[in-house]
Amino acid sequence: MFNGGLSVLFIIVAVLAGAVVGYVLKQLFTAKKIKASESLAARIVEESKKEAETIKKEAILQAKENLLKMKADFDQETKEI
């Protein structure tokens, strides 16, 4: 009888240990996924900021070119008058 009770105790301890190990592994994998997702999000934000800055610079450059062309056209028209 003592062996039967001891076997049941070992089974219970093994099941509990397995549950604890499973829980810890799940937490570790979840933390790793969260960290990877945060890293990806940060990289996307940084790339978006760079792209926005590039678009802004291109728009400013285009506006300056348009202004210079308009000024040149205006100067040409006023010369003709």
N, C-alpha and C. Protein backbone atom coordinates (compact mmCIF):
# COMPACT_ATOMS: atom_id res chain seq x y z
N MET A 1 0.81 -1.20 0.00
CA MET A 1 0.00 0.00 0.00
C MET A 1 0.86 1.26 0.00
N PHE A 2 1.97 1.20 0.68
CA PHE A 2 2.82 2.39 0.76
C PHE A 2 3.37 2.77 -0.61
N ASN A 3 3.72 1.77 -1.41
CA ASN A 3 4.22 2.05 -2.76
C ASN A 3 3.15 2.69 -3.63
N GLY A 4 1.92 2.27 -3.51
CA GLY A 4 0.83 2.85 -4.29
C GLY A 4 0.62 4.31 -3.94
N GLY A 5 0.66 4.63 -2.68
CA GLY A 5 0.49 6.02 -2.24
C GLY A 5 1.67 6.87 -2.68
N LEU A 6 2.86 6.29 -2.65
CA LEU A 6 4.06 7.00 -3.08
C LEU A 6 4.02 7.26 -4.58
N SER A 7 3.53 6.30 -5.34
CA SER A 7 3.40 6.46 -6.79
C SER A 7 2.43 7.59 -7.12
N VAL A 8 1.33 7.63 -6.42
CA VAL A 8 0.36 8.70 -6.64
C VAL A 8 0.98 10.04 -6.31
N LEU A 9 1.75 10.10 -5.24
CA LEU A 9 2.43 11.34 -4.85
C LEU A 9 3.41 11.77 -5.92
N PHE A 10 4.19 10.82 -6.46
CA PHE A 10 5.14 11.15 -7.53
C PHE A 10 4.41 11.65 -8.77
N ILE A 11 3.29 11.04 -9.09
CA ILE A 11 2.51 11.46 -10.25
C ILE A 11 1.99 12.88 -10.05
N ILE A 12 1.49 13.17 -8.88
CA ILE A 12 0.98 14.51 -8.58
C ILE A 12 2.11 15.53 -8.66
N VAL A 13 3.26 15.21 -8.07
CA VAL A 13 4.41 16.12 -8.11
C VAL A 13 4.87 16.32 -9.56
N ALA A 14 4.91 15.25 -10.35
CA ALA A 14 5.33 15.35 -11.75
C ALA A 14 4.37 16.21 -12.55
N VAL A 15 3.08 16.04 -12.33
CA VAL A 15 2.08 16.84 -13.03
C VAL A 15 2.22 18.31 -12.65
N LEU A 16 2.37 18.58 -11.37
CA LEU A 16 2.55 19.97 -10.92
C LEU A 16 3.83 20.57 -11.49
N ALA A 17 4.92 19.80 -11.46
CA ALA A 17 6.19 20.29 -12.00
C ALA A 17 6.04 20.56 -13.50
N GLY A 18 5.38 19.68 -14.21
CA GLY A 18 5.15 19.88 -15.64
C GLY A 18 4.32 21.13 -15.90
N ALA A 19 3.32 21.35 -15.08
CA ALA A 19 2.48 22.54 -15.23
C ALA A 19 3.29 23.81 -14.99
N VAL A 20 4.14 23.78 -13.97
CA VAL A 20 4.98 24.95 -13.66
C VAL A 20 5.95 25.21 -14.80
N VAL A 21 6.61 24.16 -15.27
CA VAL A 21 7.56 24.32 -16.38
C VAL A 21 6.83 24.83 -17.62
N GLY A 22 5.67 24.28 -17.91
CA GLY A 22 4.89 24.75 -19.06
C GLY A 22 4.51 26.21 -18.94
N TYR A 23 4.09 26.61 -17.76
CA TYR A 23 3.72 28.01 -17.52
C TYR A 23 4.92 28.93 -17.71
N VAL A 24 6.06 28.55 -17.14
CA VAL A 24 7.27 29.38 -17.26
C VAL A 24 7.69 29.49 -18.72
N LEU A 25 7.68 28.38 -19.45
CA LEU A 25 8.05 28.42 -20.87
C LEU A 25 7.09 29.29 -21.67
N LYS A 26 5.81 29.19 -21.36
CA LYS A 26 4.82 30.03 -22.05
C LYS A 26 5.11 31.51 -21.79
N GLN A 27 5.42 31.85 -20.55
CA GLN A 27 5.73 33.24 -20.21
C GLN A 27 6.98 33.72 -20.95
N LEU A 28 7.99 32.86 -21.03
CA LEU A 28 9.23 33.23 -21.72
C LEU A 28 8.97 33.46 -23.21
N PHE A 29 8.24 32.55 -23.84
CA PHE A 29 7.95 32.70 -25.26
C PHE A 29 7.08 33.93 -25.51
N THR A 30 6.13 34.18 -24.64
CA THR A 30 5.28 35.36 -24.78
C THR A 30 6.10 36.64 -24.65
N ALA A 31 6.99 36.67 -23.67
CA ALA A 31 7.85 37.85 -23.48
C ALA A 31 8.74 38.06 -24.70
N LYS A 32 9.24 36.98 -25.26
CA LYS A 32 10.10 37.08 -26.45
C LYS A 32 9.31 37.63 -27.63
N LYS A 33 8.07 37.16 -27.81
CA LYS A 33 7.23 37.65 -28.90
C LYS A 33 6.89 39.13 -28.70
N ILE A 34 6.61 39.51 -27.48
CA ILE A 34 6.29 40.92 -27.19
C ILE A 34 7.49 41.80 -27.50
N LYS A 35 8.67 41.37 -27.09
CA LYS A 35 9.88 42.15 -27.34
C LYS A 35 10.13 42.28 -28.84
N ALA A 36 9.95 41.19 -29.58
CA ALA A 36 10.13 41.24 -31.03
C ALA A 36 9.11 42.17 -31.68
N SER A 37 7.87 42.14 -31.21
CA SER A 37 6.83 43.01 -31.75
C SER A 37 7.12 44.47 -31.46
N GLU A 38 7.59 44.75 -30.25
CA GLU A 38 7.94 46.13 -29.90
C GLU A 38 9.11 46.62 -30.74
N SER A 39 10.07 45.76 -30.98
CA SER A 39 11.22 46.11 -31.80
C SER A 39 10.78 46.41 -33.23
N LEU A 40 9.91 45.57 -33.77
CA LEU A 40 9.39 45.79 -35.11
C LEU A 40 8.61 47.09 -35.18
N ALA A 41 7.78 47.35 -34.19
CA ALA A 41 6.99 48.59 -34.16
C ALA A 41 7.91 49.81 -34.12
N ALA A 42 8.96 49.75 -33.31
CA ALA A 42 9.90 50.87 -33.22
C ALA A 42 10.59 51.09 -34.56
N ARG A 43 10.96 50.00 -35.23
CA ARG A 43 11.62 50.12 -36.52
C ARG A 43 10.67 50.72 -37.56
N ILE A 44 9.42 50.31 -37.54
CA ILE A 44 8.43 50.85 -38.47
C ILE A 44 8.22 52.34 -38.23
N VAL A 45 8.13 52.73 -36.96
CA VAL A 45 7.96 54.15 -36.63
C VAL A 45 9.16 54.95 -37.11
N GLU A 46 10.36 54.44 -36.88
CA GLU A 46 11.58 55.15 -37.30
C GLU A 46 11.63 55.29 -38.82
N GLU A 47 11.31 54.23 -39.53
CA GLU A 47 11.29 54.30 -41.00
C GLU A 47 10.23 55.27 -41.48
N SER A 48 9.09 55.30 -40.82
CA SER A 48 8.02 56.22 -41.20
C SER A 48 8.44 57.67 -40.99
N LYS A 49 9.13 57.92 -39.88
CA LYS A 49 9.62 59.28 -39.63
C LYS A 49 10.61 59.71 -40.70
N LYS A 50 11.51 58.80 -41.08
CA LYS A 50 12.49 59.12 -42.12
C LYS A 50 11.79 59.39 -43.45
N GLU A 51 10.81 58.55 -43.77
CA GLU A 51 10.08 58.73 -45.02
C GLU A 51 9.30 60.05 -45.01
N ALA A 52 8.70 60.38 -43.89
CA ALA A 52 7.96 61.65 -43.77
C ALA A 52 8.91 62.83 -43.94
N GLU A 53 10.09 62.74 -43.36
CA GLU A 53 11.07 63.82 -43.48
C GLU A 53 11.52 63.97 -44.93
N THR A 54 11.72 62.85 -45.62
CA THR A 54 12.10 62.89 -47.03
C THR A 54 11.01 63.53 -47.87
N ILE A 55 9.76 63.14 -47.62
CA ILE A 55 8.63 63.72 -48.36
C ILE A 55 8.54 65.22 -48.09
N LYS A 56 8.75 65.62 -46.85
CA LYS A 56 8.71 67.04 -46.48
C LYS A 56 9.79 67.82 -47.22
N LYS A 57 11.01 67.27 -47.23
CA LYS A 57 12.11 67.96 -47.92
C LYS A 57 11.83 68.07 -49.41
N GLU A 58 11.29 67.00 -50.01
CA GLU A 58 10.96 67.04 -51.43
C GLU A 58 9.89 68.08 -51.72
N ALA A 59 8.90 68.18 -50.84
CA ALA A 59 7.82 69.16 -51.02
C ALA A 59 8.37 70.59 -50.91
N ILE A 60 9.26 70.81 -49.96
CA ILE A 60 9.86 72.14 -49.81
C ILE A 60 10.69 72.49 -51.04
N LEU A 61 11.47 71.52 -51.51
CA LEU A 61 12.28 71.75 -52.70
C LEU A 61 11.40 72.05 -53.91
N GLN A 62 10.32 71.30 -54.08
CA GLN A 62 9.40 71.52 -55.19
C GLN A 62 8.76 72.91 -55.08
N ALA A 63 8.40 73.31 -53.87
CA ALA A 63 7.80 74.63 -53.68
C ALA A 63 8.80 75.73 -54.03
N LYS A 64 10.06 75.55 -53.64
CA LYS A 64 11.08 76.54 -53.98
C LYS A 64 11.29 76.62 -55.49
N GLU A 65 11.30 75.46 -56.14
CA GLU A 65 11.45 75.45 -57.60
C GLU A 65 10.27 76.15 -58.27
N ASN A 66 9.07 75.88 -57.78
CA ASN A 66 7.88 76.54 -58.33
C ASN A 66 7.95 78.05 -58.12
N LEU A 67 8.39 78.46 -56.95
CA LEU A 67 8.51 79.88 -56.65
C LEU A 67 9.52 80.55 -57.58
N LEU A 68 10.65 79.91 -57.78
CA LEU A 68 11.66 80.47 -58.68
C LEU A 68 11.14 80.56 -60.11
N LYS A 69 10.41 79.54 -60.55
CA LYS A 69 9.84 79.56 -61.90
C LYS A 69 8.81 80.67 -62.02
N MET A 70 7.96 80.80 -61.01
CA MET A 70 6.95 81.85 -61.05
C MET A 70 7.60 83.23 -61.06
N LYS A 71 8.67 83.38 -60.29
CA LYS A 71 9.39 84.67 -60.25
C LYS A 71 10.02 84.96 -61.61
N ALA A 72 10.62 83.92 -62.21
CA ALA A 72 11.22 84.11 -63.52
C ALA A 72 10.16 84.45 -64.56
N ASP A 73 9.02 83.77 -64.51
CA ASP A 73 7.92 84.08 -65.43
C ASP A 73 7.43 85.51 -65.23
N PHE A 74 7.30 85.90 -63.97
CA PHE A 74 6.85 87.26 -63.66
C PHE A 74 7.85 88.29 -64.19
N ASP A 75 9.13 88.04 -63.93
CA ASP A 75 10.16 88.96 -64.42
C ASP A 75 10.13 89.05 -65.94
N GLN A 76 9.94 87.92 -66.60
CA GLN A 76 9.88 87.91 -68.06
C GLN A 76 8.67 88.69 -68.56
N GLU A 77 7.52 88.50 -67.92
CA GLU A 77 6.31 89.20 -68.34
C GLU A 77 6.43 90.70 -68.10
N THR A 78 7.03 91.10 -67.00
CA THR A 78 7.16 92.53 -66.71
C THR A 78 8.20 93.18 -67.62
N LYS A 79 9.18 92.42 -68.08
CA LYS A 79 10.16 92.95 -69.01
C LYS A 79 9.52 93.26 -70.35
N GLU A 80 8.57 92.41 -70.73
CA GLU A 80 7.92 92.56 -72.03
C GLU A 80 6.98 93.76 -72.05
N ILE A 81 6.56 94.20 -70.90
CA ILE A 81 5.59 95.30 -70.85
C ILE A 81 6.25 96.60 -70.99
